[in-house]
Amino acid sequence: MRATVNRFPDASDATRRTNARYCGYETESETIMRTLLALLGIIVLIVVVLMALGFINIDQTRTAQLPSVHVSGGQAPKFQADVGSVDVGTKTETVKVPTVDVNRAGGNQAAQ
C-alpha cells in the first residue's frame, strides 16, 4: 500500500485537490468514477459481441400496449375567422424581350 504524502501542508483541502490535479494526481472519487465507467463500457462491448456472435438472442414475445384512457365531458374550442379572398385568372399580354449581342474575340458578331 502506498503512503499518502501531503505535498501542500499549508493549503486548504480544495487548494490541495486543485494542485494535485495540476500535478497529475487524481482524487479518489475521480478514480472510482473512471473505473466504473470503464467497467460499464467493457460490459456493453461484451454484450454487443455476444449478440453479434449469436450467443444472445432477444426476441419480443408480447407487443407493447398503451394504457386505455377514458375522457368524458369538456368542450372543444370554437374559432371565428374572417379571411380575404383571392381571385386567380389569366390575361394575354405582349412583352418586348431584349436582344443580347455577343462580341467574340475574333471580331465576329452573333445575335441571340
PDB file of N, CA and C in Angstrom:
ATOM      1  N   MET A   1       0.841  -1.166   0.000  1.00  0.00           N
ATOM      2  CA  MET A   1       0.000   0.000   0.000  1.00  0.00           C
ATOM      3  C   MET A   1       0.889   1.234   0.000  1.00  0.00           C
ATOM      4  N   ARG A   2       0.538   2.209  -0.820  1.00  0.00           N
ATOM      5  CA  ARG A   2       1.329   3.417  -0.962  1.00  0.00           C
ATOM      6  C   ARG A   2       0.925   4.443   0.088  1.00  0.00           C
ATOM      7  N   ALA A   3       1.864   5.058   0.711  1.00  0.00           N
ATOM      8  CA  ALA A   3       1.579   6.069   1.734  1.00  0.00           C
ATOM      9  C   ALA A   3       1.202   7.378   1.052  1.00  0.00           C
ATOM     10  N   THR A   4       0.202   8.072   1.618  1.00  0.00           N
ATOM     11  CA  THR A   4      -0.227   9.358   1.088  1.00  0.00           C
ATOM     12  C   THR A   4       0.675  10.443   1.641  1.00  0.00           C
ATOM     13  N   VAL A   5       1.231  11.225   0.762  1.00  0.00           N
ATOM     14  CA  VAL A   5       2.126  12.304   1.158  1.00  0.00           C
ATOM     15  C   VAL A   5       1.405  13.619   0.941  1.00  0.00           C
ATOM     16  N   ASN A   6       1.355  14.452   1.965  1.00  0.00           N
ATOM     17  CA  ASN A   6       0.741  15.762   1.851  1.00  0.00           C
ATOM     18  C   ASN A   6       1.753  16.701   1.224  1.00  0.00           C
ATOM     19  N   ARG A   7       1.610  16.950  -0.051  1.00  0.00           N
ATOM     20  CA  ARG A   7       2.577  17.776  -0.761  1.00  0.00           C
ATOM     21  C   ARG A   7       2.353  19.269  -0.518  1.00  0.00           C
ATOM     22  N   PHE A   8       1.191  19.631   0.001  1.00  0.00           N
ATOM     23  CA  PHE A   8       0.869  21.033   0.238  1.00  0.00           C
ATOM     24  C   PHE A   8       0.349  21.176   1.680  1.00  0.00           C
ATOM     25  N   PRO A   9       1.201  21.185   2.672  1.00  0.00           N
ATOM     26  CA  PRO A   9       0.761  21.146   4.072  1.00  0.00           C
ATOM     27  C   PRO A   9       0.026  22.410   4.529  1.00  0.00           C
ATOM     28  N   ASP A  10       0.287  23.566   3.964  1.00  0.00           N
ATOM     29  CA  ASP A  10      -0.331  24.804   4.425  1.00  0.00           C
ATOM     30  C   ASP A  10      -1.575  25.178   3.630  1.00  0.00           C
ATOM     31  N   ALA A  11      -1.966  24.395   2.649  1.00  0.00           N
ATOM     32  CA  ALA A  11      -3.088  24.748   1.778  1.00  0.00           C
ATOM     33  C   ALA A  11      -4.383  24.126   2.288  1.00  0.00           C
ATOM     34  N   SER A  12      -5.487  24.723   1.895  1.00  0.00           N
ATOM     35  CA  SER A  12      -6.787  24.153   2.249  1.00  0.00           C
ATOM     36  C   SER A  12      -7.010  22.892   1.430  1.00  0.00           C
ATOM     37  N   ASP A  13      -8.063  22.138   1.791  1.00  0.00           N
ATOM     38  CA  ASP A  13      -8.343  20.877   1.114  1.00  0.00           C
ATOM     39  C   ASP A  13      -8.670  21.105  -0.368  1.00  0.00           C
ATOM     40  N   ALA A  14      -9.456  22.151  -0.664  1.00  0.00           N
ATOM     41  CA  ALA A  14      -9.811  22.441  -2.056  1.00  0.00           C
ATOM     42  C   ALA A  14      -8.583  22.821  -2.867  1.00  0.00           C
ATOM     43  N   THR A  15      -7.720  23.627  -2.272  1.00  0.00           N
ATOM     44  CA  THR A  15      -6.489  24.023  -2.962  1.00  0.00           C
ATOM     45  C   THR A  15      -5.595  22.815  -3.190  1.00  0.00           C
ATOM     46  N   ARG A  16      -5.542  21.912  -2.217  1.00  0.00           N
ATOM     47  CA  ARG A  16      -4.726  20.709  -2.347  1.00  0.00           C
ATOM     48  C   ARG A  16      -5.237  19.850  -3.503  1.00  0.00           C
ATOM     49  N   ARG A  17      -6.578  19.718  -3.613  1.00  0.00           N
ATOM     50  CA  ARG A  17      -7.131  18.915  -4.708  1.00  0.00           C
ATOM     51  C   ARG A  17      -6.847  19.554  -6.057  1.00  0.00           C
ATOM     52  N   THR A  18      -6.984  20.864  -6.149  1.00  0.00           N
ATOM     53  CA  THR A  18      -6.706  21.569  -7.401  1.00  0.00           C
ATOM     54  C   THR A  18      -5.246  21.419  -7.778  1.00  0.00           C
ATOM     55  N   ASN A  19      -4.360  21.608  -6.826  1.00  0.00           N
ATOM     56  CA  ASN A  19      -2.929  21.471  -7.102  1.00  0.00           C
ATOM     57  C   ASN A  19      -2.578  20.037  -7.472  1.00  0.00           C
ATOM     58  N   ALA A  20      -3.241  19.081  -6.848  1.00  0.00           N
ATOM     59  CA  ALA A  20      -2.976  17.681  -7.162  1.00  0.00           C
ATOM     60  C   ALA A  20      -3.365  17.375  -8.602  1.00  0.00           C
ATOM     61  N   ARG A  21      -4.472  17.978  -9.081  1.00  0.00           N
ATOM     62  CA  ARG A  21      -4.868  17.763 -10.472  1.00  0.00           C
ATOM     63  C   ARG A  21      -3.819  18.322 -11.426  1.00  0.00           C
ATOM     64  N   TYR A  22      -3.301  19.500 -11.108  1.00  0.00           N
ATOM     65  CA  TYR A  22      -2.291  20.093 -11.978  1.00  0.00           C
ATOM     66  C   TYR A  22      -0.997  19.291 -11.954  1.00  0.00           C
ATOM     67  N   CYS A  23      -0.730  18.606 -10.874  1.00  0.00           N
ATOM     68  CA  CYS A  23       0.488  17.800 -10.771  1.00  0.00           C
ATOM     69  C   CYS A  23       0.298  16.411 -11.362  1.00  0.00           C
ATOM     70  N   GLY A  24      -0.917  16.097 -11.830  1.00  0.00           N
ATOM     71  CA  GLY A  24      -1.164  14.811 -12.463  1.00  0.00           C
ATOM     72  C   GLY A  24      -1.741  13.774 -11.535  1.00  0.00           C
ATOM     73  N   TYR A  25      -2.151  14.122 -10.330  1.00  0.00           N
ATOM     74  CA  TYR A  25      -2.744  13.176  -9.399  1.00  0.00           C
ATOM     75  C   TYR A  25      -4.261  13.249  -9.500  1.00  0.00           C
ATOM     76  N   GLU A  26      -4.918  12.112  -9.297  1.00  0.00           N
ATOM     77  CA  GLU A  26      -6.371  12.068  -9.325  1.00  0.00           C
ATOM     78  C   GLU A  26      -6.895  11.948  -7.904  1.00  0.00           C
ATOM     79  N   THR A  27      -8.100  12.487  -7.703  1.00  0.00           N
ATOM     80  CA  THR A  27      -8.731  12.276  -6.412  1.00  0.00           C
ATOM     81  C   THR A  27      -9.344  10.889  -6.393  1.00  0.00           C
ATOM     82  N   GLU A  28      -9.717  10.425  -5.223  1.00  0.00           N
ATOM     83  CA  GLU A  28     -10.263   9.075  -5.078  1.00  0.00           C
ATOM     84  C   GLU A  28     -11.588   8.940  -5.814  1.00  0.00           C
ATOM     85  N   SER A  29     -12.437   9.966  -5.771  1.00  0.00           N
ATOM     86  CA  SER A  29     -13.727   9.888  -6.449  1.00  0.00           C
ATOM     87  C   SER A  29     -13.558   9.853  -7.973  1.00  0.00           C
ATOM     88  N   GLU A  30     -12.566  10.571  -8.482  1.00  0.00           N
ATOM     89  CA  GLU A  30     -12.304  10.523  -9.920  1.00  0.00           C
ATOM     90  C   GLU A  30     -11.842   9.138 -10.342  1.00  0.00           C
ATOM     91  N   THR A  31     -11.013   8.504  -9.514  1.00  0.00           N
ATOM     92  CA  THR A  31     -10.526   7.163  -9.819  1.00  0.00           C
ATOM     93  C   THR A  31     -11.670   6.166  -9.818  1.00  0.00           C
ATOM     94  N   ILE A  32     -12.571   6.264  -8.837  1.00  0.00           N
ATOM     95  CA  ILE A  32     -13.715   5.352  -8.757  1.00  0.00           C
ATOM     96  C   ILE A  32     -14.626   5.552  -9.957  1.00  0.00           C
ATOM     97  N   MET A  33     -14.909   6.812 -10.300  1.00  0.00           N
ATOM     98  CA  MET A  33     -15.801   7.094 -11.426  1.00  0.00           C
ATOM     99  C   MET A  33     -15.193   6.593 -12.737  1.00  0.00           C
ATOM    100  N   ARG A  34     -13.913   6.801 -12.915  1.00  0.00           N
ATOM    101  CA  ARG A  34     -13.250   6.340 -14.138  1.00  0.00           C
ATOM    102  C   ARG A  34     -13.289   4.804 -14.220  1.00  0.00           C
ATOM    103  N   THR A  35     -13.115   4.129 -13.088  1.00  0.00           N
ATOM    104  CA  THR A  35     -13.143   2.668 -13.058  1.00  0.00           C
ATOM    105  C   THR A  35     -14.539   2.148 -13.380  1.00  0.00           C
ATOM    106  N   LEU A  36     -15.574   2.755 -12.784  1.00  0.00           N
ATOM    107  CA  LEU A  36     -16.942   2.323 -13.058  1.00  0.00           C
ATOM    108  C   LEU A  36     -17.321   2.551 -14.514  1.00  0.00           C
ATOM    109  N   LEU A  37     -16.903   3.668 -15.070  1.00  0.00           N
ATOM    110  CA  LEU A  37     -17.192   3.952 -16.467  1.00  0.00           C
ATOM    111  C   LEU A  37     -16.486   2.958 -17.390  1.00  0.00           C
ATOM    112  N   ALA A  38     -15.262   2.604 -17.068  1.00  0.00           N
ATOM    113  CA  ALA A  38     -14.531   1.625 -17.868  1.00  0.00           C
ATOM    114  C   ALA A  38     -15.195   0.251 -17.783  1.00  0.00           C
ATOM    115  N   LEU A  39     -15.641  -0.146 -16.586  1.00  0.00           N
ATOM    116  CA  LEU A  39     -16.318  -1.430 -16.436  1.00  0.00           C
ATOM    117  C   LEU A  39     -17.635  -1.458 -17.212  1.00  0.00           C
ATOM    118  N   LEU A  40     -18.390  -0.374 -17.153  1.00  0.00           N
ATOM    119  CA  LEU A  40     -19.633  -0.297 -17.900  1.00  0.00           C
ATOM    120  C   LEU A  40     -19.384  -0.408 -19.399  1.00  0.00           C
ATOM    121  N   GLY A  41     -18.354   0.264 -19.892  1.00  0.00           N
ATOM    122  CA  GLY A  41     -18.003   0.181 -21.311  1.00  0.00           C
ATOM    123  C   GLY A  41     -17.607  -1.228 -21.719  1.00  0.00           C
ATOM    124  N   ILE A  42     -16.863  -1.914 -20.873  1.00  0.00           N
ATOM    125  CA  ILE A  42     -16.444  -3.291 -21.172  1.00  0.00           C
ATOM    126  C   ILE A  42     -17.660  -4.211 -21.204  1.00  0.00           C
ATOM    127  N   ILE A  43     -18.580  -4.040 -20.253  1.00  0.00           N
ATOM    128  CA  ILE A  43     -19.780  -4.879 -20.212  1.00  0.00           C
ATOM    129  C   ILE A  43     -20.627  -4.666 -21.463  1.00  0.00           C
ATOM    130  N   VAL A  44     -20.809  -3.414 -21.876  1.00  0.00           N
ATOM    131  CA  VAL A  44     -21.585  -3.125 -23.088  1.00  0.00           C
ATOM    132  C   VAL A  44     -20.904  -3.748 -24.307  1.00  0.00           C
ATOM    133  N   LEU A  45     -19.604  -3.634 -24.384  1.00  0.00           N
ATOM    134  CA  LEU A  45     -18.866  -4.212 -25.507  1.00  0.00           C
ATOM    135  C   LEU A  45     -19.025  -5.731 -25.543  1.00  0.00           C
ATOM    136  N   ILE A  46     -18.965  -6.385 -24.401  1.00  0.00           N
ATOM    137  CA  ILE A  46     -19.131  -7.843 -24.335  1.00  0.00           C
ATOM    138  C   ILE A  46     -20.527  -8.242 -24.786  1.00  0.00           C
ATOM    139  N   VAL A  47     -21.549  -7.520 -24.341  1.00  0.00           N
ATOM    140  CA  VAL A  47     -22.925  -7.839 -24.732  1.00  0.00           C
ATOM    141  C   VAL A  47     -23.100  -7.666 -26.239  1.00  0.00           C
ATOM    142  N   VAL A  48     -22.530  -6.619 -26.817  1.00  0.00           N
ATOM    143  CA  VAL A  48     -22.645  -6.401 -28.263  1.00  0.00           C
ATOM    144  C   VAL A  48     -21.965  -7.522 -29.037  1.00  0.00           C
ATOM    145  N   VAL A  49     -20.791  -7.945 -28.600  1.00  0.00           N
ATOM    146  CA  VAL A  49     -20.071  -9.030 -29.276  1.00  0.00           C
ATOM    147  C   VAL A  49     -20.864 -10.333 -29.163  1.00  0.00           C
ATOM    148  N   LEU A  50     -21.412 -10.614 -27.975  1.00  0.00           N
ATOM    149  CA  LEU A  50     -22.189 -11.844 -27.806  1.00  0.00           C
ATOM    150  C   LEU A  50     -23.445 -11.829 -28.667  1.00  0.00           C
ATOM    151  N   MET A  51     -24.076 -10.678 -28.820  1.00  0.00           N
ATOM    152  CA  MET A  51     -25.244 -10.584 -29.693  1.00  0.00           C
ATOM    153  C   MET A  51     -24.850 -10.785 -31.146  1.00  0.00           C
ATOM    154  N   ALA A  52     -23.707 -10.231 -31.556  1.00  0.00           N
ATOM    155  CA  ALA A  52     -23.248 -10.373 -32.939  1.00  0.00           C
ATOM    156  C   ALA A  52     -22.894 -11.819 -33.260  1.00  0.00           C
ATOM    157  N   LEU A  53     -22.360 -12.552 -32.271  1.00  0.00           N
ATOM    158  CA  LEU A  53     -21.979 -13.945 -32.490  1.00  0.00           C
ATOM    159  C   LEU A  53     -23.148 -14.907 -32.331  1.00  0.00           C
ATOM    160  N   GLY A  54     -24.287 -14.413 -31.877  1.00  0.00           N
ATOM    161  CA  GLY A  54     -25.464 -15.257 -31.754  1.00  0.00           C
ATOM    162  C   GLY A  54     -25.612 -15.945 -30.413  1.00  0.00           C
ATOM    163  N   PHE A  55     -24.773 -15.638 -29.442  1.00  0.00           N
ATOM    164  CA  PHE A  55     -24.900 -16.242 -28.128  1.00  0.00           C
ATOM    165  C   PHE A  55     -26.062 -15.645 -27.342  1.00  0.00           C
ATOM    166  N   ILE A  56     -26.408 -14.408 -27.647  1.00  0.00           N
ATOM    167  CA  ILE A  56     -27.550 -13.755 -27.010  1.00  0.00           C
ATOM    168  C   ILE A  56     -28.533 -13.404 -28.107  1.00  0.00           C
ATOM    169  N   ASN A  57     -29.771 -13.837 -27.916  1.00  0.00           N
ATOM    170  CA  ASN A  57     -30.815 -13.556 -28.879  1.00  0.00           C
ATOM    171  C   ASN A  57     -32.014 -13.002 -28.118  1.00  0.00           C
ATOM    172  N   ILE A  58     -32.404 -11.806 -28.421  1.00  0.00           N
ATOM    173  CA  ILE A  58     -33.525 -11.175 -27.727  1.00  0.00           C
ATOM    174  C   ILE A  58     -34.683 -11.072 -28.701  1.00  0.00           C
ATOM    175  N   ASP A  59     -35.795 -11.725 -28.359  1.00  0.00           N
ATOM    176  CA  ASP A  59     -36.992 -11.697 -29.187  1.00  0.00           C
ATOM    177  C   ASP A  59     -38.116 -11.049 -28.395  1.00  0.00           C
ATOM    178  N   GLN A  60     -38.924 -10.285 -29.085  1.00  0.00           N
ATOM    179  CA  GLN A  60     -40.079  -9.665 -28.451  1.00  0.00           C
ATOM    180  C   GLN A  60     -41.207 -10.686 -28.427  1.00  0.00           C
ATOM    181  N   THR A  61     -41.694 -11.015 -27.235  1.00  0.00           N
ATOM    182  CA  THR A  61     -42.726 -12.040 -27.115  1.00  0.00           C
ATOM    183  C   THR A  61     -44.122 -11.454 -26.972  1.00  0.00           C
ATOM    184  N   ARG A  62     -44.218 -10.188 -26.625  1.00  0.00           N
ATOM    185  CA  ARG A  62     -45.521  -9.541 -26.492  1.00  0.00           C
ATOM    186  C   ARG A  62     -45.364  -8.086 -26.899  1.00  0.00           C
ATOM    187  N   THR A  63     -46.320  -7.574 -27.654  1.00  0.00           N
ATOM    188  CA  THR A  63     -46.235  -6.188 -28.092  1.00  0.00           C
ATOM    189  C   THR A  63     -46.626  -5.259 -26.955  1.00  0.00           C
ATOM    190  N   ALA A  64     -46.118  -4.081 -27.013  1.00  0.00           N
ATOM    191  CA  ALA A  64     -46.442  -3.075 -26.014  1.00  0.00           C
ATOM    192  C   ALA A  64     -47.831  -2.517 -26.285  1.00  0.00           C
ATOM    193  N   GLN A  65     -48.490  -2.055 -25.242  1.00  0.00           N
ATOM    194  CA  GLN A  65     -49.823  -1.509 -25.395  1.00  0.00           C
ATOM    195  C   GLN A  65     -49.966  -0.316 -24.463  1.00  0.00           C
ATOM    196  N   LEU A  66     -50.467   0.762 -25.010  1.00  0.00           N
ATOM    197  CA  LEU A  66     -50.679   1.951 -24.196  1.00  0.00           C
ATOM    198  C   LEU A  66     -51.869   1.738 -23.269  1.00  0.00           C
ATOM    199  N   PRO A  67     -51.841   2.390 -22.128  1.00  0.00           N
ATOM    200  CA  PRO A  67     -52.988   2.254 -21.232  1.00  0.00           C
ATOM    201  C   PRO A  67     -54.214   2.925 -21.836  1.00  0.00           C
ATOM    202  N   SER A  68     -55.388   2.394 -21.510  1.00  0.00           N
ATOM    203  CA  SER A  68     -56.610   2.987 -22.032  1.00  0.00           C
ATOM    204  C   SER A  68     -57.001   4.168 -21.148  1.00  0.00           C
ATOM    205  N   VAL A  69     -57.433   5.234 -21.801  1.00  0.00           N
ATOM    206  CA  VAL A  69     -57.818   6.441 -21.101  1.00  0.00           C
ATOM    207  C   VAL A  69     -59.233   6.792 -21.531  1.00  0.00           C
ATOM    208  N   HIS A  70     -60.107   7.020 -20.577  1.00  0.00           N
ATOM    209  CA  HIS A  70     -61.487   7.377 -20.878  1.00  0.00           C
ATOM    210  C   HIS A  70     -61.678   8.846 -20.529  1.00  0.00           C
ATOM    211  N   VAL A  71     -62.159   9.612 -21.510  1.00  0.00           N
ATOM    212  CA  VAL A  71     -62.360  11.045 -21.323  1.00  0.00           C
ATOM    213  C   VAL A  71     -63.845  11.327 -21.469  1.00  0.00           C
ATOM    214  N   SER A  72     -64.378  12.061 -20.537  1.00  0.00           N
ATOM    215  CA  SER A  72     -65.785  12.445 -20.650  1.00  0.00           C
ATOM    216  C   SER A  72     -65.909  13.927 -20.321  1.00  0.00           C
ATOM    217  N   GLY A  73     -66.898  14.564 -20.916  1.00  0.00           N
ATOM    218  CA  GLY A  73     -67.113  15.976 -20.662  1.00  0.00           C
ATOM    219  C   GLY A  73     -66.144  16.831 -21.452  1.00  0.00           C
ATOM    220  N   GLY A  74     -66.098  18.089 -21.110  1.00  0.00           N
ATOM    221  CA  GLY A  74     -65.206  19.012 -21.790  1.00  0.00           C
ATOM    222  C   GLY A  74     -65.863  19.599 -23.019  1.00  0.00           C
ATOM    223  N   GLN A  75     -65.171  20.500 -23.657  1.00  0.00           N
ATOM    224  CA  GLN A  75     -65.712  21.162 -24.837  1.00  0.00           C
ATOM    225  C   GLN A  75     -64.558  21.581 -25.726  1.00  0.00           C
ATOM    226  N   ALA A  76     -64.706  21.312 -27.015  1.00  0.00           N
ATOM    227  CA  ALA A  76     -63.690  21.724 -27.970  1.00  0.00           C
ATOM    228  C   ALA A  76     -63.811  23.228 -28.212  1.00  0.00           C
ATOM    229  N   PRO A  77     -62.716  23.922 -28.440  1.00  0.00           N
ATOM    230  CA  PRO A  77     -62.803  25.366 -28.677  1.00  0.00           C
ATOM    231  C   PRO A  77     -63.430  25.670 -30.033  1.00  0.00           C
ATOM    232  N   LYS A  78     -64.033  26.834 -30.139  1.00  0.00           N
ATOM    233  CA  LYS A  78     -64.651  27.274 -31.377  1.00  0.00           C
ATOM    234  C   LYS A  78     -63.953  28.548 -31.821  1.00  0.00           C
ATOM    235  N   PHE A  79     -63.705  28.682 -33.140  1.00  0.00           N
ATOM    236  CA  PHE A  79     -62.993  29.833 -33.673  1.00  0.00           C
ATOM    237  C   PHE A  79     -63.812  30.483 -34.776  1.00  0.00           C
ATOM    238  N   GLN A  80     -63.763  31.778 -34.838  1.00  0.00           N
ATOM    239  CA  GLN A  80     -64.375  32.554 -35.920  1.00  0.00           C
ATOM    240  C   GLN A  80     -63.245  33.275 -36.632  1.00  0.00           C
ATOM    241  N   ALA A  81     -63.128  33.080 -37.940  1.00  0.00           N
ATOM    242  CA  ALA A  81     -62.039  33.704 -38.688  1.00  0.00           C
ATOM    243  C   ALA A  81     -62.601  34.383 -39.929  1.00  0.00           C
ATOM    244  N   ASP A  82     -62.246  35.640 -40.132  1.00  0.00           N
ATOM    245  CA  ASP A  82     -62.607  36.367 -41.346  1.00  0.00           C
ATOM    246  C   ASP A  82     -61.356  36.459 -42.210  1.00  0.00           C
ATOM    247  N   VAL A  83     -61.432  35.869 -43.383  1.00  0.00           N
ATOM    248  CA  VAL A  83     -60.272  35.849 -44.263  1.00  0.00           C
ATOM    249  C   VAL A  83     -60.631  36.499 -45.586  1.00  0.00           C
ATOM    250  N   GLY A  84     -59.643  37.015 -46.262  1.00  0.00           N
ATOM    251  CA  GLY A  84     -59.856  37.631 -47.574  1.00  0.00           C
ATOM    252  C   GLY A  84     -59.962  36.572 -48.647  1.00  0.00           C
ATOM    253  N   SER A  85     -60.354  37.018 -49.854  1.00  0.00           N
ATOM    254  CA  SER A  85     -60.459  36.079 -50.966  1.00  0.00           C
ATOM    255  C   SER A  85     -59.420  36.439 -52.021  1.00  0.00           C
ATOM    256  N   VAL A  86     -59.004  35.447 -52.764  1.00  0.00           N
ATOM    257  CA  VAL A  86     -58.015  35.626 -53.814  1.00  0.00           C
ATOM    258  C   VAL A  86     -58.628  35.139 -55.115  1.00  0.00           C
ATOM    259  N   ASP A  87     -58.651  36.020 -56.132  1.00  0.00           N
ATOM    260  CA  ASP A  87     -59.142  35.642 -57.451  1.00  0.00           C
ATOM    261  C   ASP A  87     -57.948  35.408 -58.358  1.00  0.00           C
ATOM    262  N   VAL A  88     -57.898  34.247 -58.977  1.00  0.00           N
ATOM    263  CA  VAL A  88     -56.799  33.889 -59.861  1.00  0.00           C
ATOM    264  C   VAL A  88     -57.354  33.804 -61.276  1.00  0.00           C
ATOM    265  N   GLY A  89     -56.686  34.498 -62.192  1.00  0.00           N
ATOM    266  CA  GLY A  89     -57.118  34.470 -63.589  1.00  0.00           C
ATOM    267  C   GLY A  89     -55.920  34.623 -64.505  1.00  0.00           C
ATOM    268  N   THR A  90     -56.157  34.578 -65.797  1.00  0.00           N
ATOM    269  CA  THR A  90     -55.085  34.747 -66.772  1.00  0.00           C
ATOM    270  C   THR A  90     -55.427  35.916 -67.682  1.00  0.00           C
ATOM    271  N   LYS A  91     -54.392  36.526 -68.241  1.00  0.00           N
ATOM    272  CA  LYS A  91     -54.568  37.657 -69.138  1.00  0.00           C
ATOM    273  C   LYS A  91     -53.447  37.582 -70.175  1.00  0.00           C
ATOM    274  N   THR A  92     -53.763  37.831 -71.439  1.00  0.00           N
ATOM    275  CA  THR A  92     -52.774  37.778 -72.504  1.00  0.00           C
ATOM    276  C   THR A  92     -52.131  39.147 -72.654  1.00  0.00           C
ATOM    277  N   GLU A  93     -50.813  39.184 -72.664  1.00  0.00           N
ATOM    278  CA  GLU A  93     -50.046  40.425 -72.802  1.00  0.00           C
ATOM    279  C   GLU A  93     -48.924  40.197 -73.807  1.00  0.00           C
ATOM    280  N   THR A  94     -48.475  41.268 -74.425  1.00  0.00           N
ATOM    281  CA  THR A  94     -47.317  41.226 -75.316  1.00  0.00           C
ATOM    282  C   THR A  94     -46.164  41.893 -74.590  1.00  0.00           C
ATOM    283  N   VAL A  95     -45.059  41.189 -74.493  1.00  0.00           N
ATOM    284  CA  VAL A  95     -43.904  41.688 -73.754  1.00  0.00           C
ATOM    285  C   VAL A  95     -42.724  41.747 -74.699  1.00  0.00           C
ATOM    286  N   LYS A  96     -42.015  42.884 -74.707  1.00  0.00           N
ATOM    287  CA  LYS A  96     -40.798  43.005 -75.513  1.00  0.00           C
ATOM    288  C   LYS A  96     -39.636  42.409 -74.734  1.00  0.00           C
ATOM    289  N   VAL A  97     -38.907  41.527 -75.414  1.00  0.00           N
ATOM    290  CA  VAL A  97     -37.764  40.863 -74.803  1.00  0.00           C
ATOM    291  C   VAL A  97     -36.500  41.467 -75.387  1.00  0.00           C
ATOM    292  N   PRO A  98     -35.544  41.871 -74.574  1.00  0.00           N
ATOM    293  CA  PRO A  98     -34.319  42.470 -75.120  1.00  0.00           C
ATOM    294  C   PRO A  98     -33.466  41.430 -75.828  1.00  0.00           C
ATOM    295  N   THR A  99     -32.707  41.889 -76.799  1.00  0.00           N
ATOM    296  CA  THR A  99     -31.782  41.005 -77.504  1.00  0.00           C
ATOM    297  C   THR A  99     -30.407  41.152 -76.883  1.00  0.00           C
ATOM    298  N   VAL A 100     -29.597  40.123 -77.026  1.00  0.00           N
ATOM    299  CA  VAL A 100     -28.252  40.111 -76.466  1.00  0.00           C
ATOM    300  C   VAL A 100     -27.285  39.936 -77.607  1.00  0.00           C
ATOM    301  N   ASP A 101     -26.330  40.858 -77.720  1.00  0.00           N
ATOM    302  CA  ASP A 101     -25.286  40.769 -78.730  1.00  0.00           C
ATOM    303  C   ASP A 101     -24.004  40.313 -78.055  1.00  0.00           C
ATOM    304  N   VAL A 102     -23.361  39.284 -78.635  1.00  0.00           N
ATOM    305  CA  VAL A 102     -22.111  38.760 -78.092  1.00  0.00           C
ATOM    306  C   VAL A 102     -21.008  39.072 -79.077  1.00  0.00           C
ATOM    307  N   ASN A 103     -19.984  39.767 -78.641  1.00  0.00           N
ATOM    308  CA  ASN A 103     -18.832  40.082 -79.471  1.00  0.00           C
ATOM    309  C   ASN A 103     -17.714  39.115 -79.127  1.00  0.00           C
ATOM    310  N   ARG A 104     -17.351  38.306 -80.083  1.00  0.00           N
ATOM    311  CA  ARG A 104     -16.288  37.343 -79.847  1.00  0.00           C
ATOM    312  C   ARG A 104     -14.930  38.002 -80.071  1.00  0.00           C
ATOM    313  N   ALA A 105     -13.896  37.356 -79.644  1.00  0.00           N
ATOM    314  CA  ALA A 105     -12.550  37.900 -79.721  1.00  0.00           C
ATOM    315  C   ALA A 105     -12.084  38.056 -81.171  1.00  0.00           C
ATOM    316  N   GLY A 106     -12.571  37.257 -82.087  1.00  0.00           N
ATOM    317  CA  GLY A 106     -12.172  37.326 -83.483  1.00  0.00           C
ATOM    318  C   GLY A 106     -12.843  38.463 -84.244  1.00  0.00           C
ATOM    319  N   GLY A 107     -13.782  39.187 -83.642  1.00  0.00           N
ATOM    320  CA  GLY A 107     -14.448  40.289 -84.309  1.00  0.00           C
ATOM    321  C   GLY A 107     -15.786  39.892 -84.915  1.00  0.00           C
ATOM    322  N   ASN A 108     -16.127  38.599 -84.897  1.00  0.00           N
ATOM    323  CA  ASN A 108     -17.416  38.148 -85.426  1.00  0.00           C
ATOM    324  C   ASN A 108     -18.516  38.494 -84.424  1.00  0.00           C
ATOM    325  N   GLN A 109     -19.663  38.910 -84.942  1.00  0.00           N
ATOM    326  CA  GLN A 109     -20.788  39.208 -84.089  1.00  0.00           C
ATOM    327  C   GLN A 109     -21.841  38.109 -84.249  1.00  0.00           C
ATOM    328  N   ALA A 110     -22.446  37.708 -83.122  1.00  0.00           N
ATOM    329  CA  ALA A 110     -23.536  36.737 -83.175  1.00  0.00           C
ATOM    330  C   ALA A 110     -24.664  37.282 -82.329  1.00  0.00           C
ATOM    331  N   ALA A 111     -25.877  37.221 -82.863  1.00  0.00           N
ATOM    332  CA  ALA A 111     -27.052  37.709 -82.123  1.00  0.00           C
ATOM    333  C   ALA A 111     -27.842  36.520 -81.608  1.00  0.00           C
ATOM    334  N   GLN A 112     -28.287  36.660 -80.396  1.00  0.00           N
ATOM    335  CA  GLN A 112     -29.109  35.583 -79.817  1.00  0.00           C
ATOM    336  C   GLN A 112     -30.382  36.168 -79.320  1.00  0.00           C
TER     337      GLN A 112
END
